[in-house]
């Protein structure tokens, strides 16, 4: 068996809490007491950030798949980083959908720009405001880092939750 830095799945443990989750505490939503945050509390936190109804369905689907992976991170901790990578893919897809909506270029007739060119276009056209440019540039870097990672990364769920909140905010801003 490979020497992993995370839970090795088998038929006995795949539906059990990943032991790493015992190290992430907070205030229990049900009891108001500090301690290990239970699964339902994590789920409630990850289910809070919302996309506007104006966000295209295909982008919303990518975000919801990422959100779903975060919920199952309770059982398999590496899913949090995989989910975060998917969130950045959703952010790029949102830029692409905005580009298509504004330019009217049919996707089937033109090779669509990649993340950096989409962002350049969005900034030039005022689709992404100056106060949001740094976040989008960081999103591109983090998308590349998670997509091309040489090893499986691990990240605390609260950081991935912060990413989900910011991804939803920035995608929503594109489609207001």
C-alpha atoms as a PDB file:
ATOM      1  CA  UNK A   1       0.000   0.000   0.000  1.00  0.00           C
ATOM      2  CA  UNK A   2       1.223   3.486  -0.808  1.00  0.00           C
ATOM      3  CA  UNK A   3       2.345   5.718   2.054  1.00  0.00           C
ATOM      4  CA  UNK A   4      -0.371   8.392   1.872  1.00  0.00           C
ATOM      5  CA  UNK A   5      -0.726  11.555   3.904  1.00  0.00           C
ATOM      6  CA  UNK A   6      -4.446  10.865   4.142  1.00  0.00           C
ATOM      7  CA  UNK A   7      -6.990   8.139   4.840  1.00  0.00           C
ATOM      8  CA  UNK A   8      -6.553   4.975   2.785  1.00  0.00           C
ATOM      9  CA  UNK A   9     -10.082   4.020   1.766  1.00  0.00           C
ATOM     10  CA  UNK A  10     -11.458   0.521   2.142  1.00  0.00           C
ATOM     11  CA  UNK A  11     -14.895  -1.093   2.417  1.00  0.00           C
ATOM     12  CA  UNK A  12     -14.877  -0.751   6.208  1.00  0.00           C
ATOM     13  CA  UNK A  13     -14.027   2.970   6.461  1.00  0.00           C
ATOM     14  CA  UNK A  14     -15.291   4.774   3.368  1.00  0.00           C
ATOM     15  CA  UNK A  15     -18.502   5.929   5.090  1.00  0.00           C
ATOM     16  CA  UNK A  16     -16.832   6.855   8.382  1.00  0.00           C
ATOM     17  CA  UNK A  17     -15.698  10.315   9.411  1.00  0.00           C
ATOM     18  CA  UNK A  18     -12.146  11.008   8.318  1.00  0.00           C
ATOM     19  CA  UNK A  19     -10.156  11.173  11.557  1.00  0.00           C
ATOM     20  CA  UNK A  20      -8.550  14.454  10.446  1.00  0.00           C
ATOM     21  CA  UNK A  21     -11.914  16.169  10.922  1.00  0.00           C
ATOM     22  CA  UNK A  22     -11.553  15.730  14.708  1.00  0.00           C
ATOM     23  CA  UNK A  23      -8.959  18.509  14.620  1.00  0.00           C
ATOM     24  CA  UNK A  24     -11.296  21.184  13.252  1.00  0.00           C
ATOM     25  CA  UNK A  25     -13.375  22.759  15.946  1.00  0.00           C
ATOM     26  CA  UNK A  26     -15.736  25.611  16.301  1.00  0.00           C
ATOM     27  CA  UNK A  27     -18.935  26.522  18.039  1.00  0.00           C
ATOM     28  CA  UNK A  28     -21.482  23.730  17.735  1.00  0.00           C
ATOM     29  CA  UNK A  29     -24.520  25.309  16.053  1.00  0.00           C
ATOM     30  CA  UNK A  30     -26.906  23.059  18.000  1.00  0.00           C
ATOM     31  CA  UNK A  31     -25.417  23.370  21.493  1.00  0.00           C
ATOM     32  CA  UNK A  32     -23.527  26.678  21.353  1.00  0.00           C
ATOM     33  CA  UNK A  33     -20.501  24.981  22.936  1.00  0.00           C
ATOM     34  CA  UNK A  34     -16.935  24.943  21.632  1.00  0.00           C
ATOM     35  CA  UNK A  35     -15.555  21.644  20.437  1.00  0.00           C
ATOM     36  CA  UNK A  36     -15.266  19.433  17.401  1.00  0.00           C
ATOM     37  CA  UNK A  37     -17.663  20.695  14.766  1.00  0.00           C
ATOM     38  CA  UNK A  38     -20.179  17.957  13.869  1.00  0.00           C
ATOM     39  CA  UNK A  39     -20.902  16.919  10.279  1.00  0.00           C
ATOM     40  CA  UNK A  40     -24.257  18.706  10.098  1.00  0.00           C
ATOM     41  CA  UNK A  41     -22.656  21.980  11.216  1.00  0.00           C
ATOM     42  CA  UNK A  42     -20.053  21.710   8.452  1.00  0.00           C
ATOM     43  CA  UNK A  43     -22.792  20.884   5.970  1.00  0.00           C
ATOM     44  CA  UNK A  44     -24.840  23.904   7.069  1.00  0.00           C
ATOM     45  CA  UNK A  45     -21.836  26.188   6.601  1.00  0.00           C
ATOM     46  CA  UNK A  46     -21.037  24.871   3.126  1.00  0.00           C
ATOM     47  CA  UNK A  47     -24.690  25.090   2.066  1.00  0.00           C
ATOM     48  CA  UNK A  48     -24.991  28.794   2.994  1.00  0.00           C
ATOM     49  CA  UNK A  49     -23.194  30.580   0.125  1.00  0.00           C
ATOM     50  CA  UNK A  50     -25.634  31.042  -2.752  1.00  0.00           C
ATOM     51  CA  UNK A  51     -25.459  31.985  -6.396  1.00  0.00           C
ATOM     52  CA  UNK A  52     -27.938  34.461  -7.887  1.00  0.00           C
ATOM     53  CA  UNK A  53     -30.609  33.068 -10.172  1.00  0.00           C
ATOM     54  CA  UNK A  54     -28.983  35.071 -12.976  1.00  0.00           C
ATOM     55  CA  UNK A  55     -25.879  32.843 -12.973  1.00  0.00           C
ATOM     56  CA  UNK A  56     -26.011  30.473 -15.984  1.00  0.00           C
ATOM     57  CA  UNK A  57     -27.057  26.923 -15.153  1.00  0.00           C
ATOM     58  CA  UNK A  58     -23.830  25.356 -16.429  1.00  0.00           C
ATOM     59  CA  UNK A  59     -21.778  27.559 -14.072  1.00  0.00           C
ATOM     60  CA  UNK A  60     -24.149  26.885 -11.172  1.00  0.00           C
ATOM     61  CA  UNK A  61     -23.761  23.157 -11.860  1.00  0.00           C
ATOM     62  CA  UNK A  62     -19.985  23.401 -11.517  1.00  0.00           C
ATOM     63  CA  UNK A  63     -20.300  25.274  -8.232  1.00  0.00           C
ATOM     64  CA  UNK A  64     -22.845  22.793  -6.903  1.00  0.00           C
ATOM     65  CA  UNK A  65     -20.592  19.852  -7.802  1.00  0.00           C
ATOM     66  CA  UNK A  66     -17.774  21.547  -5.882  1.00  0.00           C
ATOM     67  CA  UNK A  67     -20.108  22.174  -2.948  1.00  0.00           C
ATOM     68  CA  UNK A  68     -21.147  18.520  -2.987  1.00  0.00           C
ATOM     69  CA  UNK A  69     -17.518  17.424  -2.826  1.00  0.00           C
ATOM     70  CA  UNK A  70     -17.014  19.617   0.249  1.00  0.00           C
ATOM     71  CA  UNK A  71     -19.860  17.856   2.033  1.00  0.00           C
ATOM     72  CA  UNK A  72     -18.214  14.495   1.403  1.00  0.00           C
ATOM     73  CA  UNK A  73     -14.870  15.869   2.609  1.00  0.00           C
ATOM     74  CA  UNK A  74     -16.172  14.903   6.052  1.00  0.00           C
ATOM     75  CA  UNK A  75     -15.604  11.283   5.030  1.00  0.00           C
ATOM     76  CA  UNK A  76     -12.527  11.757   2.849  1.00  0.00           C
ATOM     77  CA  UNK A  77     -10.495  14.851   3.729  1.00  0.00           C
ATOM     78  CA  UNK A  78      -8.653  15.258   0.356  1.00  0.00           C
ATOM     79  CA  UNK A  79     -11.997  16.089  -1.263  1.00  0.00           C
ATOM     80  CA  UNK A  80     -11.755  19.601   0.173  1.00  0.00           C
ATOM     81  CA  UNK A  81      -8.800  20.472  -2.064  1.00  0.00           C
ATOM     82  CA  UNK A  82     -10.409  18.731  -5.038  1.00  0.00           C
ATOM     83  CA  UNK A  83     -13.568  20.758  -4.405  1.00  0.00           C
ATOM     84  CA  UNK A  84     -11.573  23.975  -4.189  1.00  0.00           C
ATOM     85  CA  UNK A  85      -9.965  23.266  -7.544  1.00  0.00           C
ATOM     86  CA  UNK A  86     -13.441  22.754  -9.010  1.00  0.00           C
ATOM     87  CA  UNK A  87     -14.511  26.122  -7.578  1.00  0.00           C
ATOM     88  CA  UNK A  88     -11.784  27.857  -9.577  1.00  0.00           C
ATOM     89  CA  UNK A  89     -12.809  25.945 -12.697  1.00  0.00           C
ATOM     90  CA  UNK A  90     -16.329  27.264 -12.092  1.00  0.00           C
ATOM     91  CA  UNK A  91     -14.960  30.809 -11.785  1.00  0.00           C
ATOM     92  CA  UNK A  92     -13.217  30.457 -15.156  1.00  0.00           C
ATOM     93  CA  UNK A  93     -16.410  29.033 -16.673  1.00  0.00           C
ATOM     94  CA  UNK A  94     -18.310  32.054 -15.342  1.00  0.00           C
ATOM     95  CA  UNK A  95     -15.897  34.429 -17.072  1.00  0.00           C
ATOM     96  CA  UNK A  96     -16.265  32.420 -20.273  1.00  0.00           C
ATOM     97  CA  UNK A  97     -20.069  32.512 -20.079  1.00  0.00           C
ATOM     98  CA  UNK A  98     -19.985  36.265 -19.493  1.00  0.00           C
ATOM     99  CA  UNK A  99     -17.654  36.657 -22.480  1.00  0.00           C
ATOM    100  CA  UNK A 100     -20.032  34.694 -24.690  1.00  0.00           C
ATOM    101  CA  UNK A 101     -23.049  36.644 -23.442  1.00  0.00           C
ATOM    102  CA  UNK A 102     -21.433  40.041 -24.020  1.00  0.00           C
ATOM    103  CA  UNK A 103     -19.628  39.355 -27.301  1.00  0.00           C
ATOM    104  CA  UNK A 104     -22.330  37.177 -28.810  1.00  0.00           C
ATOM    105  CA  UNK A 105     -19.647  34.876 -30.217  1.00  0.00           C
ATOM    106  CA  UNK A 106     -21.109  31.385 -30.586  1.00  0.00           C
ATOM    107  CA  UNK A 107     -18.913  28.908 -28.718  1.00  0.00           C
ATOM    108  CA  UNK A 108     -18.925  26.415 -31.581  1.00  0.00           C
ATOM    109  CA  UNK A 109     -17.400  28.857 -34.085  1.00  0.00           C
ATOM    110  CA  UNK A 110     -14.412  30.169 -32.204  1.00  0.00           C
ATOM    111  CA  UNK A 111     -11.725  28.741 -29.968  1.00  0.00           C
ATOM    112  CA  UNK A 112     -12.529  30.392 -26.689  1.00  0.00           C
ATOM    113  CA  UNK A 113      -9.907  32.334 -24.777  1.00  0.00           C
ATOM    114  CA  UNK A 114      -8.245  30.778 -21.756  1.00  0.00           C
ATOM    115  CA  UNK A 115      -8.497  32.168 -18.224  1.00  0.00           C
ATOM    116  CA  UNK A 116      -5.798  34.877 -18.550  1.00  0.00           C
ATOM    117  CA  UNK A 117      -7.206  36.252 -21.825  1.00  0.00           C
ATOM    118  CA  UNK A 118     -10.760  36.108 -20.512  1.00  0.00           C
ATOM    119  CA  UNK A 119      -9.675  38.072 -17.456  1.00  0.00           C
ATOM    120  CA  UNK A 120      -7.830  40.612 -19.623  1.00  0.00           C
ATOM    121  CA  UNK A 121     -10.970  41.051 -21.714  1.00  0.00           C
ATOM    122  CA  UNK A 122     -13.170  41.349 -18.602  1.00  0.00           C
ATOM    123  CA  UNK A 123     -10.948  44.042 -17.072  1.00  0.00           C
ATOM    124  CA  UNK A 124     -10.682  45.996 -20.352  1.00  0.00           C
ATOM    125  CA  UNK A 125     -14.455  45.917 -20.813  1.00  0.00           C
ATOM    126  CA  UNK A 126     -15.190  46.809 -17.185  1.00  0.00           C
ATOM    127  CA  UNK A 127     -16.892  43.475 -16.530  1.00  0.00           C
ATOM    128  CA  UNK A 128     -14.441  42.879 -13.686  1.00  0.00           C
ATOM    129  CA  UNK A 129     -13.956  46.025 -11.634  1.00  0.00           C
ATOM    130  CA  UNK A 130     -10.532  47.154 -10.394  1.00  0.00           C
ATOM    131  CA  UNK A 131     -11.334  46.182  -6.813  1.00  0.00           C
ATOM    132  CA  UNK A 132     -11.867  42.569  -7.950  1.00  0.00           C
ATOM    133  CA  UNK A 133      -8.919  42.135 -10.338  1.00  0.00           C
ATOM    134  CA  UNK A 134      -6.474  40.882  -7.690  1.00  0.00           C
ATOM    135  CA  UNK A 135      -8.892  38.163  -6.590  1.00  0.00           C
ATOM    136  CA  UNK A 136      -9.426  36.999 -10.181  1.00  0.00           C
ATOM    137  CA  UNK A 137      -5.688  36.901 -10.866  1.00  0.00           C
ATOM    138  CA  UNK A 138      -5.222  34.865  -7.710  1.00  0.00           C
ATOM    139  CA  UNK A 139      -8.066  32.562  -8.761  1.00  0.00           C
ATOM    140  CA  UNK A 140      -6.287  31.887 -12.037  1.00  0.00           C
ATOM    141  CA  UNK A 141      -3.033  31.044 -10.224  1.00  0.00           C
ATOM    142  CA  UNK A 142      -4.801  28.805  -7.722  1.00  0.00           C
ATOM    143  CA  UNK A 143      -6.770  27.069 -10.484  1.00  0.00           C
ATOM    144  CA  UNK A 144      -3.495  26.310 -12.278  1.00  0.00           C
ATOM    145  CA  UNK A 145      -1.829  25.147  -9.053  1.00  0.00           C
ATOM    146  CA  UNK A 146      -4.645  22.763  -8.129  1.00  0.00           C
ATOM    147  CA  UNK A 147      -5.103  21.472 -11.674  1.00  0.00           C
ATOM    148  CA  UNK A 148      -1.412  20.746 -12.186  1.00  0.00           C
ATOM    149  CA  UNK A 149      -0.414  19.782  -8.640  1.00  0.00           C
ATOM    150  CA  UNK A 150       2.356  17.162  -8.466  1.00  0.00           C
ATOM    151  CA  UNK A 151       0.945  15.741  -5.198  1.00  0.00           C
ATOM    152  CA  UNK A 152      -2.453  15.635  -3.522  1.00  0.00           C
ATOM    153  CA  UNK A 153      -2.787  18.771  -1.428  1.00  0.00           C
ATOM    154  CA  UNK A 154      -4.593  19.063   1.885  1.00  0.00           C
ATOM    155  CA  UNK A 155      -6.293  22.147   3.266  1.00  0.00           C
ATOM    156  CA  UNK A 156      -8.436  22.942   6.312  1.00  0.00           C
ATOM    157  CA  UNK A 157     -12.146  22.937   5.471  1.00  0.00           C
ATOM    158  CA  UNK A 158     -12.625  26.458   6.826  1.00  0.00           C
ATOM    159  CA  UNK A 159     -10.237  27.767   4.154  1.00  0.00           C
ATOM    160  CA  UNK A 160     -12.168  25.946   1.456  1.00  0.00           C
ATOM    161  CA  UNK A 161     -15.378  27.418   2.853  1.00  0.00           C
ATOM    162  CA  UNK A 162     -13.829  30.892   2.532  1.00  0.00           C
ATOM    163  CA  UNK A 163     -13.001  30.068  -1.083  1.00  0.00           C
ATOM    164  CA  UNK A 164     -16.592  28.989  -1.754  1.00  0.00           C
ATOM    165  CA  UNK A 165     -17.923  32.233  -0.271  1.00  0.00           C
ATOM    166  CA  UNK A 166     -15.559  34.326  -2.415  1.00  0.00           C
ATOM    167  CA  UNK A 167     -16.193  32.315  -5.583  1.00  0.00           C
ATOM    168  CA  UNK A 168     -19.941  32.792  -5.154  1.00  0.00           C
ATOM    169  CA  UNK A 169     -19.508  36.525  -4.521  1.00  0.00           C
ATOM    170  CA  UNK A 170     -17.292  37.035  -7.575  1.00  0.00           C
ATOM    171  CA  UNK A 171     -19.425  34.923  -9.890  1.00  0.00           C
ATOM    172  CA  UNK A 172     -22.552  36.714  -8.682  1.00  0.00           C
ATOM    173  CA  UNK A 173     -20.905  40.073  -9.426  1.00  0.00           C
ATOM    174  CA  UNK A 174     -20.410  39.017 -13.067  1.00  0.00           C
ATOM    175  CA  UNK A 175     -24.112  38.387 -13.553  1.00  0.00           C
ATOM    176  CA  UNK A 176     -25.755  41.199 -11.556  1.00  0.00           C
END
